[in-house]
Amino acid sequence: MIAGVAPSGAAPARPARDEPVAVAAKTLAFDINSNLHLVGRPGHVLNEHGTFSGSQSGTIEIRFTSVSHTSGEATFAAYSSQGGSVSGRATTKGHVVGATVYFTGSMTVTGGTGRWAHASGRDLLFSGAVNRHTFSATTHTQGSIDV
């Protein structure tokens, strides 16, 4: 008999003490907005910190590692107010209007901790704006992640 599967009409068997138990993954809609401010000095790398809200809430850190007026790359870690974190990376294309760089691109969730330990997701919409004078930023992330 396979652990946890009972013959027809019988009660389900309990898994052996050290036997792994399968847990079904679920897909969650992810739709959040964040407001960030620069931490440290501006340069080729921008370290931003702030809060996010929407389908989840908490604090977020984004490290824009390749920033230009036409393209960018970033890594992020978002810490849920309910515990655990989600991390990943994003690539963007952008354009400048006055003092603001507007960007849009895609985000990939590569992992997490706590209740988000097995989080994954691809092609989430990632968009936002960075003020080139104050380096404050806003972002919007939308898509689905598996947990």
Protein backbone atom coordinates (compact mmCIF):
# COMPACT_ATOMS: atom_id res chain seq x y z
CA MET A 1 0.00 0.00 0.00
CA ILE A 2 1.21 3.56 -0.78
CA ALA A 3 1.45 5.69 2.36
CA GLY A 4 -1.66 7.80 2.86
CA VAL A 5 -3.68 5.86 0.24
CA ALA A 6 -6.19 3.32 1.53
CA PRO A 7 -7.78 0.45 -0.35
CA SER A 8 -11.30 1.19 -1.58
CA GLY A 9 -13.72 1.57 1.34
CA ALA A 10 -10.99 1.62 4.02
CA ALA A 11 -9.90 4.56 6.15
CA PRO A 12 -6.77 6.37 4.86
CA ALA A 13 -3.53 5.10 6.34
CA ARG A 14 -1.26 7.52 8.19
CA PRO A 15 2.19 8.12 6.68
CA ALA A 16 5.10 6.52 8.48
CA ARG A 17 6.78 8.82 11.03
CA ASP A 18 9.77 9.75 8.80
CA GLU A 19 8.01 9.45 5.46
CA PRO A 20 7.66 12.67 3.43
CA VAL A 21 4.18 14.08 3.04
CA ALA A 22 3.22 15.84 -0.21
CA VAL A 23 1.77 19.32 0.11
CA ALA A 24 -0.17 20.78 -2.78
CA ALA A 25 1.15 24.09 -4.12
CA LYS A 26 -1.30 26.92 -4.50
CA THR A 27 -1.27 29.88 -6.82
CA LEU A 28 -1.79 33.35 -5.37
CA ALA A 29 -2.63 36.55 -7.19
CA PHE A 30 0.08 39.09 -6.47
CA ASP A 31 -0.89 42.75 -6.93
CA ILE A 32 1.14 45.21 -4.87
CA ASN A 33 2.28 48.83 -4.92
CA SER A 34 5.38 50.11 -3.16
CA ASN A 35 6.78 53.47 -2.14
CA LEU A 36 10.55 53.57 -1.70
CA HIS A 37 13.32 55.95 -0.75
CA LEU A 38 17.05 55.86 -1.40
CA VAL A 39 19.27 54.30 1.27
CA GLY A 40 22.87 55.53 1.06
CA ARG A 41 24.32 57.54 -1.78
CA PRO A 42 23.12 57.53 -5.37
CA GLY A 43 25.41 56.01 -7.98
CA HIS A 44 25.40 53.22 -10.55
CA VAL A 45 23.58 51.11 -7.96
CA LEU A 46 20.48 52.41 -6.18
CA ASN A 47 19.49 50.75 -2.89
CA GLU A 48 15.86 51.54 -2.14
CA HIS A 49 13.79 50.67 0.94
CA GLY A 50 10.10 51.16 1.64
CA THR A 51 6.71 49.61 2.19
CA PHE A 52 4.28 47.76 -0.04
CA SER A 53 0.54 47.14 0.12
CA GLY A 54 -2.18 45.48 -1.91
CA SER A 55 -2.81 41.74 -1.97
CA GLN A 56 0.04 41.51 0.58
CA SER A 57 1.71 44.12 2.77
CA GLY A 58 5.06 44.63 4.42
CA THR A 59 8.47 46.16 3.76
CA ILE A 60 10.55 45.88 0.61
CA GLU A 61 14.15 46.39 -0.45
CA ILE A 62 15.00 46.84 -4.12
CA ARG A 63 18.55 47.06 -5.44
CA PHE A 64 18.60 48.62 -8.90
CA THR A 65 21.91 47.22 -10.18
CA SER A 66 21.85 48.45 -13.75
CA VAL A 67 20.08 51.73 -14.18
CA SER A 68 19.90 53.80 -17.33
CA HIS A 69 17.21 55.82 -18.99
CA THR A 70 16.47 52.96 -21.41
CA SER A 71 16.94 49.72 -19.43
CA GLY A 72 17.55 48.35 -15.98
CA GLU A 73 17.94 45.33 -13.75
CA ALA A 74 17.00 44.89 -10.13
CA THR A 75 16.93 42.36 -7.32
CA PHE A 76 14.41 42.53 -4.53
CA ALA A 77 13.40 41.10 -1.17
CA ALA A 78 9.89 41.68 0.17
CA TYR A 79 9.17 40.94 3.82
CA SER A 80 5.53 40.10 4.52
CA SER A 81 3.86 41.63 7.56
CA GLN A 82 2.42 38.12 8.14
CA GLY A 83 5.90 36.56 8.28
CA GLY A 84 8.35 35.24 5.71
CA SER A 85 9.83 36.84 2.63
CA VAL A 86 9.89 36.60 -1.15
CA SER A 87 12.91 37.39 -3.33
CA GLY A 88 13.77 37.59 -7.00
CA ARG A 89 14.91 39.75 -9.88
CA ALA A 90 13.50 42.03 -12.57
CA THR A 91 14.51 43.43 -15.95
CA THR A 92 13.04 46.63 -17.34
CA LYS A 93 12.91 49.04 -20.25
CA GLY A 94 12.43 52.71 -19.56
CA HIS A 95 12.07 56.24 -20.80
CA VAL A 96 12.67 59.65 -19.27
CA VAL A 97 10.16 62.48 -18.96
CA GLY A 98 11.66 65.49 -17.21
CA ALA A 99 13.11 64.40 -13.87
CA THR A 100 11.38 61.00 -13.88
CA VAL A 101 12.49 57.64 -15.28
CA TYR A 102 9.46 55.46 -16.03
CA PHE A 103 10.06 51.74 -16.44
CA THR A 104 8.18 48.55 -17.21
CA GLY A 105 9.35 44.97 -17.45
CA SER A 106 9.06 41.53 -15.95
CA MET A 107 9.83 40.08 -12.56
CA THR A 108 10.78 36.55 -11.56
CA VAL A 109 10.22 35.27 -8.02
CA THR A 110 13.09 32.89 -7.21
CA GLY A 111 12.37 31.87 -3.63
CA GLY A 112 11.48 32.89 -0.15
CA THR A 113 11.49 32.09 3.54
CA GLY A 114 8.90 31.00 6.09
CA ARG A 115 5.43 30.52 4.65
CA TRP A 116 6.88 31.66 1.28
CA ALA A 117 9.79 29.17 1.33
CA HIS A 118 8.88 27.56 -1.98
CA ALA A 119 7.61 30.66 -3.76
CA SER A 120 8.16 30.89 -7.50
CA GLY A 121 6.75 32.93 -10.33
CA ARG A 122 7.70 34.13 -13.80
CA ASP A 123 6.73 37.04 -16.01
CA LEU A 124 5.06 39.15 -13.35
CA LEU A 125 4.45 42.69 -14.58
CA PHE A 126 6.88 45.10 -12.88
CA SER A 127 6.55 48.83 -13.51
CA GLY A 128 7.24 52.10 -11.79
CA ALA A 129 9.04 55.39 -11.69
CA VAL A 130 12.19 56.85 -10.14
CA ASN A 131 12.66 60.57 -9.49
CA ARG A 132 16.16 61.46 -10.71
CA HIS A 133 16.52 64.32 -8.20
CA THR A 134 15.32 62.69 -4.96
CA PHE A 135 15.74 59.04 -6.05
CA SER A 136 12.39 58.18 -4.47
CA ALA A 137 10.62 55.40 -6.36
CA THR A 138 7.21 53.82 -6.77
CA THR A 139 6.60 50.35 -8.17
CA HIS A 140 3.68 48.15 -9.14
CA THR A 141 3.94 44.37 -9.36
CA GLN A 142 1.15 42.16 -10.70
CA GLY A 143 0.90 38.49 -11.58
CA SER A 144 0.65 35.03 -10.01
CA ILE A 145 3.09 33.19 -7.78
CA ASP A 146 3.12 29.58 -6.66
CA VAL A 147 3.66 28.90 -2.97
